[in-house]
Structures are given as structure tokens and as C-alpha cells.
Amino acid sequence: MKESHVLDVRITDSGGRDIPCGEGKAKRTFAATARDAASQRDPGGLNTYMLGVLSSVAPYRIAEDQGNAPIRLANDTYKTVIILESPGNGQYGVRGETECLPTS
């Protein structure tokens, strides 16, 4: 979000804890919200904008995109999934998680 120059970024899940997955593995989640300077942008436009910005930061591929629904992105190298789920009215929503990885 820093790269996109959005406003009022708020970290809603800092990802600072392991979530057990079993078999000595755990994942981490993370999430943030922000506000766009243009409050009239719809969810699809906000998600598409964030997708473009994210592509300049890391090579994510679109894993699932059903139109105006959230866009699910994946990065096999970093073993993360990011979901762009902006609700509209200029409000961005991004959340993600790592794959279940060995804890040691």
C-alpha cells in the first residue's frame, strides 16, 4: 500500500504470530485497509489498481478472479497468497497468508 500512495493505511493484522497447521507447521496471516483519494472508485477498480501496484513490488500471479469479487493472488517463491477485497467507496482491503511452513 505504501507504493500506491493511498491514504490512512491501517494494519488490521500485523502477522506477528504463528497459526498452527499441524505436523510441526504454521502459517502467518496479515491484513490492511486504506482509503483512496477518489472515494467514488468501485471495488473492481480499486482491486485492479492494487494489482497493478503489487506487480511492481513482487511477481504475483492471479490465482482466481471472478470479476467484481475479490482477486486471489499467489506467489510460489514467497509461498504467500494475497486477496484484494476492496469493498468500494474508495476503501481498499488487502489480506493474505503464508502457506503452512515448517516452524523450525
C-alpha atoms as a PDB file:
ATOM      1  CA  MET A   1       0.000   0.000   0.000  1.00  0.00           C
ATOM      2  CA  LYS A   2       2.935   2.306   0.628  1.00  0.00           C
ATOM      3  CA  GLU A   3       3.904   2.042  -3.051  1.00  0.00           C
ATOM      4  CA  SER A   4       0.419   3.084  -4.165  1.00  0.00           C
ATOM      5  CA  HIS A   5       0.298   6.329  -2.150  1.00  0.00           C
ATOM      6  CA  VAL A   6      -3.075   5.555  -0.597  1.00  0.00           C
ATOM      7  CA  LEU A   7      -4.381   7.385   2.480  1.00  0.00           C
ATOM      8  CA  ASP A   8      -4.995   6.331   6.079  1.00  0.00           C
ATOM      9  CA  VAL A   9      -3.324   2.926   5.918  1.00  0.00           C
ATOM     10  CA  ARG A  10      -4.375   0.802   8.877  1.00  0.00           C
ATOM     11  CA  ILE A  11      -2.774  -2.554   9.683  1.00  0.00           C
ATOM     12  CA  THR A  12      -5.589  -4.817  10.859  1.00  0.00           C
ATOM     13  CA  ASP A  13      -3.459  -7.971  11.198  1.00  0.00           C
ATOM     14  CA  SER A  14       0.288  -7.476  11.592  1.00  0.00           C
ATOM     15  CA  GLY A  15       1.105 -11.150  11.051  1.00  0.00           C
ATOM     16  CA  GLY A  16       3.174 -11.406  14.178  1.00  0.00           C
ATOM     17  CA  ARG A  17       2.088 -14.839  15.362  1.00  0.00           C
ATOM     18  CA  ASP A  18       2.245 -18.431  14.141  1.00  0.00           C
ATOM     19  CA  ILE A  19      -1.062 -20.168  13.456  1.00  0.00           C
ATOM     20  CA  PRO A  20      -0.545 -23.947  13.813  1.00  0.00           C
ATOM     21  CA  CYS A  21      -1.371 -26.085  10.780  1.00  0.00           C
ATOM     22  CA  GLY A  22      -0.361 -29.427  12.297  1.00  0.00           C
ATOM     23  CA  GLU A  23       2.644 -31.666  11.702  1.00  0.00           C
ATOM     24  CA  GLY A  24       5.067 -29.007  13.040  1.00  0.00           C
ATOM     25  CA  LYS A  25       3.922 -26.412  10.525  1.00  0.00           C
ATOM     26  CA  ALA A  26       2.378 -22.975  10.906  1.00  0.00           C
ATOM     27  CA  LYS A  27       1.226 -20.062   8.761  1.00  0.00           C
ATOM     28  CA  ARG A  28       1.006 -16.331   9.302  1.00  0.00           C
ATOM     29  CA  THR A  29      -1.778 -14.011   8.250  1.00  0.00           C
ATOM     30  CA  PHE A  30      -1.668 -10.294   7.553  1.00  0.00           C
ATOM     31  CA  ALA A  31      -4.164  -7.615   6.542  1.00  0.00           C
ATOM     32  CA  ALA A  32      -4.538  -3.892   5.974  1.00  0.00           C
ATOM     33  CA  THR A  33      -7.089  -1.333   4.894  1.00  0.00           C
ATOM     34  CA  ALA A  34      -6.662   2.123   3.375  1.00  0.00           C
ATOM     35  CA  ARG A  35      -8.564   4.920   1.700  1.00  0.00           C
ATOM     36  CA  ASP A  36      -8.256   6.113  -1.895  1.00  0.00           C
ATOM     37  CA  ALA A  37      -8.156   9.835  -2.687  1.00  0.00           C
ATOM     38  CA  ALA A  38     -11.070   9.253  -5.095  1.00  0.00           C
ATOM     39  CA  SER A  39     -13.893   7.991  -2.883  1.00  0.00           C
ATOM     40  CA  GLN A  40     -16.125   7.033  -5.815  1.00  0.00           C
ATOM     41  CA  ARG A  41     -13.976   4.170  -7.162  1.00  0.00           C
ATOM     42  CA  ASP A  42     -15.801   0.850  -7.248  1.00  0.00           C
ATOM     43  CA  PRO A  43     -14.415  -2.422  -5.813  1.00  0.00           C
ATOM     44  CA  GLY A  44     -13.233  -3.708  -9.187  1.00  0.00           C
ATOM     45  CA  GLY A  45     -11.330  -0.510  -9.953  1.00  0.00           C
ATOM     46  CA  LEU A  46      -9.708  -0.462  -6.517  1.00  0.00           C
ATOM     47  CA  ASN A  47      -8.655  -4.118  -6.753  1.00  0.00           C
ATOM     48  CA  THR A  48      -7.290  -3.637 -10.278  1.00  0.00           C
ATOM     49  CA  TYR A  49      -5.297  -0.605  -9.166  1.00  0.00           C
ATOM     50  CA  MET A  50      -3.777  -2.531  -6.242  1.00  0.00           C
ATOM     51  CA  LEU A  51      -2.992  -5.458  -8.557  1.00  0.00           C
ATOM     52  CA  GLY A  52      -1.026  -3.120 -10.815  1.00  0.00           C
ATOM     53  CA  VAL A  53       0.891  -1.621  -7.913  1.00  0.00           C
ATOM     54  CA  LEU A  54       1.614  -5.026  -6.400  1.00  0.00           C
ATOM     55  CA  SER A  55       3.091  -6.259  -9.686  1.00  0.00           C
ATOM     56  CA  SER A  56       5.836  -3.642  -9.317  1.00  0.00           C
ATOM     57  CA  VAL A  57       6.718  -4.998  -5.849  1.00  0.00           C
ATOM     58  CA  ALA A  58       6.650  -8.798  -6.294  1.00  0.00           C
ATOM     59  CA  PRO A  59       5.698 -11.270  -9.045  1.00  0.00           C
ATOM     60  CA  TYR A  60       2.213 -12.431  -8.031  1.00  0.00           C
ATOM     61  CA  ARG A  61       0.023 -14.411 -10.417  1.00  0.00           C
ATOM     62  CA  ILE A  62      -3.751 -14.253 -10.480  1.00  0.00           C
ATOM     63  CA  ALA A  63      -4.972 -17.492  -8.930  1.00  0.00           C
ATOM     64  CA  GLU A  64      -8.665 -16.562  -9.014  1.00  0.00           C
ATOM     65  CA  ASP A  65     -10.605 -13.607 -10.406  1.00  0.00           C
ATOM     66  CA  GLN A  66     -14.372 -13.810 -10.810  1.00  0.00           C
ATOM     67  CA  GLY A  67     -14.913 -10.233 -11.921  1.00  0.00           C
ATOM     68  CA  ASN A  68     -16.094  -7.890  -9.185  1.00  0.00           C
ATOM     69  CA  ALA A  69     -15.372 -10.469  -6.473  1.00  0.00           C
ATOM     70  CA  PRO A  70     -12.118 -10.462  -4.526  1.00  0.00           C
ATOM     71  CA  ILE A  71      -8.981 -11.217  -6.550  1.00  0.00           C
ATOM     72  CA  ARG A  72      -6.818 -14.034  -5.184  1.00  0.00           C
ATOM     73  CA  LEU A  73      -3.108 -13.755  -5.981  1.00  0.00           C
ATOM     74  CA  ALA A  74      -0.313 -16.238  -5.333  1.00  0.00           C
ATOM     75  CA  ASN A  75       3.465 -16.125  -5.247  1.00  0.00           C
ATOM     76  CA  ASP A  76       5.112 -19.537  -5.315  1.00  0.00           C
ATOM     77  CA  THR A  77       8.583 -18.209  -4.455  1.00  0.00           C
ATOM     78  CA  TYR A  78       7.429 -16.399  -1.295  1.00  0.00           C
ATOM     79  CA  LYS A  79       4.785 -19.041  -0.575  1.00  0.00           C
ATOM     80  CA  THR A  80       2.100 -16.424   0.038  1.00  0.00           C
ATOM     81  CA  VAL A  81      -1.437 -15.709  -1.065  1.00  0.00           C
ATOM     82  CA  ILE A  82      -2.846 -12.182  -1.157  1.00  0.00           C
ATOM     83  CA  ILE A  83      -6.525 -11.387  -1.504  1.00  0.00           C
ATOM     84  CA  LEU A  84      -7.549  -7.978  -2.792  1.00  0.00           C
ATOM     85  CA  GLU A  85     -11.032  -7.439  -1.378  1.00  0.00           C
ATOM     86  CA  SER A  86     -11.792  -3.754  -1.582  1.00  0.00           C
ATOM     87  CA  PRO A  87     -15.434  -3.134  -0.649  1.00  0.00           C
ATOM     88  CA  GLY A  88     -15.747   0.051  -2.741  1.00  0.00           C
ATOM     89  CA  ASN A  89     -16.457   3.686  -1.881  1.00  0.00           C
ATOM     90  CA  GLY A  90     -12.719   4.341  -2.053  1.00  0.00           C
ATOM     91  CA  GLN A  91     -11.874   1.786   0.667  1.00  0.00           C
ATOM     92  CA  TYR A  92      -9.069  -0.688  -0.003  1.00  0.00           C
ATOM     93  CA  GLY A  93      -8.912  -4.082   1.667  1.00  0.00           C
ATOM     94  CA  VAL A  94      -5.967  -6.465   1.410  1.00  0.00           C
ATOM     95  CA  ARG A  95      -5.336  -9.642   3.367  1.00  0.00           C
ATOM     96  CA  GLY A  96      -3.068 -12.593   2.959  1.00  0.00           C
ATOM     97  CA  GLU A  97      -1.371 -15.569   4.457  1.00  0.00           C
ATOM     98  CA  THR A  98       1.661 -17.735   4.027  1.00  0.00           C
ATOM     99  CA  GLU A  99       1.443 -21.397   3.175  1.00  0.00           C
ATOM    100  CA  CYS A 100       1.793 -23.828   6.063  1.00  0.00           C
ATOM    101  CA  LEU A 101       5.569 -23.933   6.571  1.00  0.00           C
ATOM    102  CA  PRO A 102       7.847 -25.813   8.982  1.00  0.00           C
ATOM    103  CA  THR A 103       8.245 -23.893  12.247  1.00  0.00           C
ATOM    104  CA  SER A 104      11.877 -24.860  12.748  1.00  0.00           C
END
